[in-house]
Amino acid sequence: MARYKHIDTSPRFLAVDLQRQLLPGTFEHALNHLLDGVLDLSCFDARFRNDATGATAYAQ
């Protein structure tokens, strides 16, 4: 199983809030919804062989 870094999308240093920028009904909102919750992207996990060693990867 590939290990991934946690991506925190809550604003801390920048005045950009991703959830407020992705307005419902837009292509960007639909794409974010598909990639985060609908599509099964586990087939890409085989590419990362960092189960026990190596740096964690950013989830795509």
PDB file of N, CA and C in Angstrom:
ATOM      1  N   MET A   1       0.848  -1.186   0.000  1.00  0.00           N
ATOM      2  CA  MET A   1       0.000   0.000   0.000  1.00  0.00           C
ATOM      3  C   MET A   1       0.881   1.232   0.000  1.00  0.00           C
ATOM      4  N   ALA A   2       0.621   2.142  -0.876  1.00  0.00           N
ATOM      5  CA  ALA A   2       1.412   3.365  -0.963  1.00  0.00           C
ATOM      6  C   ALA A   2       1.102   4.292   0.208  1.00  0.00           C
ATOM      7  N   ARG A   3       2.119   4.989   0.679  1.00  0.00           N
ATOM      8  CA  ARG A   3       1.936   5.979   1.738  1.00  0.00           C
ATOM      9  C   ARG A   3       1.862   7.357   1.103  1.00  0.00           C
ATOM     10  N   TYR A   4       0.929   8.179   1.569  1.00  0.00           N
ATOM     11  CA  TYR A   4       0.750   9.518   1.009  1.00  0.00           C
ATOM     12  C   TYR A   4       0.841  10.574   2.096  1.00  0.00           C
ATOM     13  N   LYS A   5       1.314  11.762   1.709  1.00  0.00           N
ATOM     14  CA  LYS A   5       1.318  12.914   2.598  1.00  0.00           C
ATOM     15  C   LYS A   5      -0.093  13.460   2.677  1.00  0.00           C
ATOM     16  N   HIS A   6      -0.459  13.965   3.836  1.00  0.00           N
ATOM     17  CA  HIS A   6      -1.765  14.600   4.002  1.00  0.00           C
ATOM     18  C   HIS A   6      -1.714  15.995   3.392  1.00  0.00           C
ATOM     19  N   ILE A   7      -2.703  16.333   2.593  1.00  0.00           N
ATOM     20  CA  ILE A   7      -2.782  17.666   1.994  1.00  0.00           C
ATOM     21  C   ILE A   7      -3.855  18.444   2.733  1.00  0.00           C
ATOM     22  N   ASP A   8      -3.433  19.485   3.423  1.00  0.00           N
ATOM     23  CA  ASP A   8      -4.346  20.327   4.179  1.00  0.00           C
ATOM     24  C   ASP A   8      -4.798  21.476   3.287  1.00  0.00           C
ATOM     25  N   THR A   9      -6.082  21.509   2.927  1.00  0.00           N
ATOM     26  CA  THR A   9      -6.584  22.550   2.031  1.00  0.00           C
ATOM     27  C   THR A   9      -7.191  23.730   2.774  1.00  0.00           C
ATOM     28  N   SER A  10      -7.093  23.740   4.088  1.00  0.00           N
ATOM     29  CA  SER A  10      -7.626  24.886   4.837  1.00  0.00           C
ATOM     30  C   SER A  10      -6.600  26.029   4.795  1.00  0.00           C
ATOM     31  N   PRO A  11      -7.065  27.251   4.629  1.00  0.00           N
ATOM     32  CA  PRO A  11      -6.134  28.373   4.489  1.00  0.00           C
ATOM     33  C   PRO A  11      -5.441  28.722   5.803  1.00  0.00           C
ATOM     34  N   ARG A  12      -4.149  28.958   5.716  1.00  0.00           N
ATOM     35  CA  ARG A  12      -3.382  29.408   6.879  1.00  0.00           C
ATOM     36  C   ARG A  12      -2.550  30.626   6.521  1.00  0.00           C
ATOM     37  N   PHE A  13      -1.810  30.520   5.417  1.00  0.00           N
ATOM     38  CA  PHE A  13      -0.913  31.601   5.040  1.00  0.00           C
ATOM     39  C   PHE A  13      -1.419  32.373   3.824  1.00  0.00           C
ATOM     40  N   LEU A  14      -2.218  31.723   3.020  1.00  0.00           N
ATOM     41  CA  LEU A  14      -2.763  32.376   1.836  1.00  0.00           C
ATOM     42  C   LEU A  14      -4.238  32.675   2.053  1.00  0.00           C
ATOM     43  N   ALA A  15      -4.683  33.708   1.431  1.00  0.00           N
ATOM     44  CA  ALA A  15      -6.097  34.072   1.572  1.00  0.00           C
ATOM     45  C   ALA A  15      -6.959  33.341   0.549  1.00  0.00           C
ATOM     46  N   VAL A  16      -6.583  32.120   0.192  1.00  0.00           N
ATOM     47  CA  VAL A  16      -7.335  31.329  -0.782  1.00  0.00           C
ATOM     48  C   VAL A  16      -7.917  30.117  -0.062  1.00  0.00           C
ATOM     49  N   ASP A  17      -9.210  30.003  -0.104  1.00  0.00           N
ATOM     50  CA  ASP A  17      -9.899  28.857   0.472  1.00  0.00           C
ATOM     51  C   ASP A  17     -10.430  28.027  -0.698  1.00  0.00           C
ATOM     52  N   LEU A  18      -9.847  26.860  -0.925  1.00  0.00           N
ATOM     53  CA  LEU A  18     -10.193  26.043  -2.084  1.00  0.00           C
ATOM     54  C   LEU A  18     -11.676  25.724  -2.124  1.00  0.00           C
ATOM     55  N   GLN A  19     -12.276  25.404  -0.998  1.00  0.00           N
ATOM     56  CA  GLN A  19     -13.690  25.053  -0.976  1.00  0.00           C
ATOM     57  C   GLN A  19     -14.583  26.231  -1.366  1.00  0.00           C
ATOM     58  N   ARG A  20     -14.159  27.441  -1.077  1.00  0.00           N
ATOM     59  CA  ARG A  20     -14.942  28.626  -1.466  1.00  0.00           C
ATOM     60  C   ARG A  20     -14.694  29.006  -2.916  1.00  0.00           C
ATOM     61  N   GLN A  21     -13.542  28.630  -3.462  1.00  0.00           N
ATOM     62  CA  GLN A  21     -13.217  28.952  -4.848  1.00  0.00           C
ATOM     63  C   GLN A  21     -13.936  28.032  -5.832  1.00  0.00           C
ATOM     64  N   LEU A  22     -14.179  26.789  -5.416  1.00  0.00           N
ATOM     65  CA  LEU A  22     -14.830  25.823  -6.296  1.00  0.00           C
ATOM     66  C   LEU A  22     -16.343  25.938  -6.133  1.00  0.00           C
ATOM     67  N   LEU A  23     -16.939  26.744  -6.955  1.00  0.00           N
ATOM     68  CA  LEU A  23     -18.365  27.009  -6.855  1.00  0.00           C
ATOM     69  C   LEU A  23     -19.176  25.859  -7.442  1.00  0.00           C
ATOM     70  N   PRO A  24     -20.234  25.430  -6.743  1.00  0.00           N
ATOM     71  CA  PRO A  24     -21.080  24.361  -7.272  1.00  0.00           C
ATOM     72  C   PRO A  24     -21.632  24.720  -8.651  1.00  0.00           C
ATOM     73  N   GLY A  25     -21.639  23.725  -9.525  1.00  0.00           N
ATOM     74  CA  GLY A  25     -22.134  23.938 -10.878  1.00  0.00           C
ATOM     75  C   GLY A  25     -21.048  24.256 -11.887  1.00  0.00           C
ATOM     76  N   THR A  26     -19.801  24.449 -11.418  1.00  0.00           N
ATOM     77  CA  THR A  26     -18.707  24.736 -12.345  1.00  0.00           C
ATOM     78  C   THR A  26     -17.961  23.454 -12.682  1.00  0.00           C
ATOM     79  N   PHE A  27     -17.226  23.510 -13.768  1.00  0.00           N
ATOM     80  CA  PHE A  27     -16.420  22.359 -14.186  1.00  0.00           C
ATOM     81  C   PHE A  27     -15.403  21.996 -13.110  1.00  0.00           C
ATOM     82  N   GLU A  28     -14.784  22.997 -12.514  1.00  0.00           N
ATOM     83  CA  GLU A  28     -13.758  22.762 -11.501  1.00  0.00           C
ATOM     84  C   GLU A  28     -14.342  22.034 -10.289  1.00  0.00           C
ATOM     85  N   HIS A  29     -15.532  22.430  -9.882  1.00  0.00           N
ATOM     86  CA  HIS A  29     -16.188  21.778  -8.747  1.00  0.00           C
ATOM     87  C   HIS A  29     -16.498  20.323  -9.083  1.00  0.00           C
ATOM     88  N   ALA A  30     -17.010  20.076 -10.287  1.00  0.00           N
ATOM     89  CA  ALA A  30     -17.328  18.716 -10.707  1.00  0.00           C
ATOM     90  C   ALA A  30     -16.062  17.857 -10.780  1.00  0.00           C
ATOM     91  N   LEU A  31     -14.998  18.410 -11.319  1.00  0.00           N
ATOM     92  CA  LEU A  31     -13.745  17.669 -11.424  1.00  0.00           C
ATOM     93  C   LEU A  31     -13.182  17.338 -10.045  1.00  0.00           C
ATOM     94  N   ASN A  32     -13.199  18.303  -9.143  1.00  0.00           N
ATOM     95  CA  ASN A  32     -12.731  18.063  -7.777  1.00  0.00           C
ATOM     96  C   ASN A  32     -13.567  16.983  -7.096  1.00  0.00           C
ATOM     97  N   HIS A  33     -14.879  17.035  -7.280  1.00  0.00           N
ATOM     98  CA  HIS A  33     -15.767  16.031  -6.693  1.00  0.00           C
ATOM     99  C   HIS A  33     -15.474  14.640  -7.254  1.00  0.00           C
ATOM    100  N   LEU A  34     -15.284  14.551  -8.556  1.00  0.00           N
ATOM    101  CA  LEU A  34     -14.993  13.259  -9.179  1.00  0.00           C
ATOM    102  C   LEU A  34     -13.672  12.676  -8.698  1.00  0.00           C
ATOM    103  N   LEU A  35     -12.640  13.500  -8.653  1.00  0.00           N
ATOM    104  CA  LEU A  35     -11.317  13.002  -8.276  1.00  0.00           C
ATOM    105  C   LEU A  35     -11.226  12.674  -6.792  1.00  0.00           C
ATOM    106  N   ASP A  36     -11.928  13.417  -5.956  1.00  0.00           N
ATOM    107  CA  ASP A  36     -11.844  13.190  -4.514  1.00  0.00           C
ATOM    108  C   ASP A  36     -12.759  12.093  -4.009  1.00  0.00           C
ATOM    109  N   GLY A  37     -13.914  11.882  -4.654  1.00  0.00           N
ATOM    110  CA  GLY A  37     -14.850  10.972  -4.043  1.00  0.00           C
ATOM    111  C   GLY A  37     -15.478   9.916  -4.912  1.00  0.00           C
ATOM    112  N   VAL A  38     -15.485  10.098  -6.219  1.00  0.00           N
ATOM    113  CA  VAL A  38     -16.237   9.180  -7.063  1.00  0.00           C
ATOM    114  C   VAL A  38     -15.328   8.166  -7.756  1.00  0.00           C
ATOM    115  N   LEU A  39     -14.280   8.640  -8.393  1.00  0.00           N
ATOM    116  CA  LEU A  39     -13.410   7.751  -9.151  1.00  0.00           C
ATOM    117  C   LEU A  39     -12.494   6.947  -8.241  1.00  0.00           C
ATOM    118  N   ASP A  40     -12.290   5.697  -8.589  1.00  0.00           N
ATOM    119  CA  ASP A  40     -11.363   4.843  -7.858  1.00  0.00           C
ATOM    120  C   ASP A  40      -9.991   4.975  -8.504  1.00  0.00           C
ATOM    121  N   LEU A  41      -9.088   5.679  -7.855  1.00  0.00           N
ATOM    122  CA  LEU A  41      -7.765   5.931  -8.391  1.00  0.00           C
ATOM    123  C   LEU A  41      -6.707   5.007  -7.795  1.00  0.00           C
ATOM    124  N   SER A  42      -7.158   3.935  -7.162  1.00  0.00           N
ATOM    125  CA  SER A  42      -6.221   3.030  -6.497  1.00  0.00           C
ATOM    126  C   SER A  42      -5.303   2.304  -7.485  1.00  0.00           C
ATOM    127  N   CYS A  43      -5.662   2.271  -8.758  1.00  0.00           N
ATOM    128  CA  CYS A  43      -4.798   1.618  -9.742  1.00  0.00           C
ATOM    129  C   CYS A  43      -3.456   2.346  -9.863  1.00  0.00           C
ATOM    130  N   PHE A  44      -3.398   3.608  -9.484  1.00  0.00           N
ATOM    131  CA  PHE A  44      -2.153   4.364  -9.541  1.00  0.00           C
ATOM    132  C   PHE A  44      -1.250   4.080  -8.336  1.00  0.00           C
ATOM    133  N   ASP A  45      -1.785   3.447  -7.285  1.00  0.00           N
ATOM    134  CA  ASP A  45      -0.989   3.154  -6.094  1.00  0.00           C
ATOM    135  C   ASP A  45       0.165   2.211  -6.390  1.00  0.00           C
ATOM    136  N   ALA A  46       0.020   1.344  -7.367  1.00  0.00           N
ATOM    137  CA  ALA A  46       1.073   0.381  -7.692  1.00  0.00           C
ATOM    138  C   ALA A  46       2.343   1.083  -8.168  1.00  0.00           C
ATOM    139  N   ARG A  47       2.195   2.289  -8.678  1.00  0.00           N
ATOM    140  CA  ARG A  47       3.355   3.047  -9.159  1.00  0.00           C
ATOM    141  C   ARG A  47       4.280   3.443  -8.008  1.00  0.00           C
ATOM    142  N   PHE A  48       3.726   3.635  -6.820  1.00  0.00           N
ATOM    143  CA  PHE A  48       4.514   4.065  -5.669  1.00  0.00           C
ATOM    144  C   PHE A  48       4.872   2.856  -4.821  1.00  0.00           C
ATOM    145  N   ARG A  49       6.134   2.557  -4.780  1.00  0.00           N
ATOM    146  CA  ARG A  49       6.609   1.426  -3.982  1.00  0.00           C
ATOM    147  C   ARG A  49       7.319   1.974  -2.737  1.00  0.00           C
ATOM    148  N   ASN A  50       6.563   2.631  -1.886  1.00  0.00           N
ATOM    149  CA  ASN A  50       7.130   3.243  -0.688  1.00  0.00           C
ATOM    150  C   ASN A  50       6.436   2.726   0.560  1.00  0.00           C
ATOM    151  N   ASP A  51       6.058   1.453   0.546  1.00  0.00           N
ATOM    152  CA  ASP A  51       5.353   0.876   1.690  1.00  0.00           C
ATOM    153  C   ASP A  51       6.180   0.956   2.971  1.00  0.00           C
ATOM    154  N   ALA A  52       7.424   0.550   2.891  1.00  0.00           N
ATOM    155  CA  ALA A  52       8.247   0.481   4.105  1.00  0.00           C
ATOM    156  C   ALA A  52       9.335   1.536   4.118  1.00  0.00           C
ATOM    157  N   THR A  53       9.847   1.897   2.970  1.00  0.00           N
ATOM    158  CA  THR A  53      10.947   2.865   2.918  1.00  0.00           C
ATOM    159  C   THR A  53      10.630   3.935   1.894  1.00  0.00           C
ATOM    160  N   GLY A  54      11.388   4.983   1.939  1.00  0.00           N
ATOM    161  CA  GLY A  54      11.208   6.068   0.974  1.00  0.00           C
ATOM    162  C   GLY A  54      10.274   7.135   1.506  1.00  0.00           C
ATOM    163  N   ALA A  55      10.303   8.248   0.832  1.00  0.00           N
ATOM    164  CA  ALA A  55       9.474   9.376   1.235  1.00  0.00           C
ATOM    165  C   ALA A  55       8.030   9.149   0.844  1.00  0.00           C
ATOM    166  N   THR A  56       7.136   9.732   1.611  1.00  0.00           N
ATOM    167  CA  THR A  56       5.722   9.632   1.273  1.00  0.00           C
ATOM    168  C   THR A  56       5.452  10.482   0.032  1.00  0.00           C
ATOM    169  N   ALA A  57       4.408  10.125  -0.678  1.00  0.00           N
ATOM    170  CA  ALA A  57       4.054  10.826  -1.913  1.00  0.00           C
ATOM    171  C   ALA A  57       2.803  11.665  -1.675  1.00  0.00           C
ATOM    172  N   TYR A  58       2.592  12.648  -2.529  1.00  0.00           N
ATOM    173  CA  TYR A  58       1.369  13.418  -2.495  1.00  0.00           C
ATOM    174  C   TYR A  58       0.297  12.643  -3.249  1.00  0.00           C
ATOM    175  N   ALA A  59      -0.866  12.493  -2.669  1.00  0.00           N
ATOM    176  CA  ALA A  59      -1.961  11.811  -3.344  1.00  0.00           C
ATOM    177  C   ALA A  59      -2.425  12.664  -4.509  1.00  0.00           C
ATOM    178  N   GLN A  60      -2.745  12.032  -5.615  1.00  0.00           N
ATOM    179  CA  GLN A  60      -3.177  12.764  -6.808  1.00  0.00           C
ATOM    180  C   GLN A  60      -4.650  12.770  -6.925  1.00  0.00           C
TER     181      GLN A  60
END
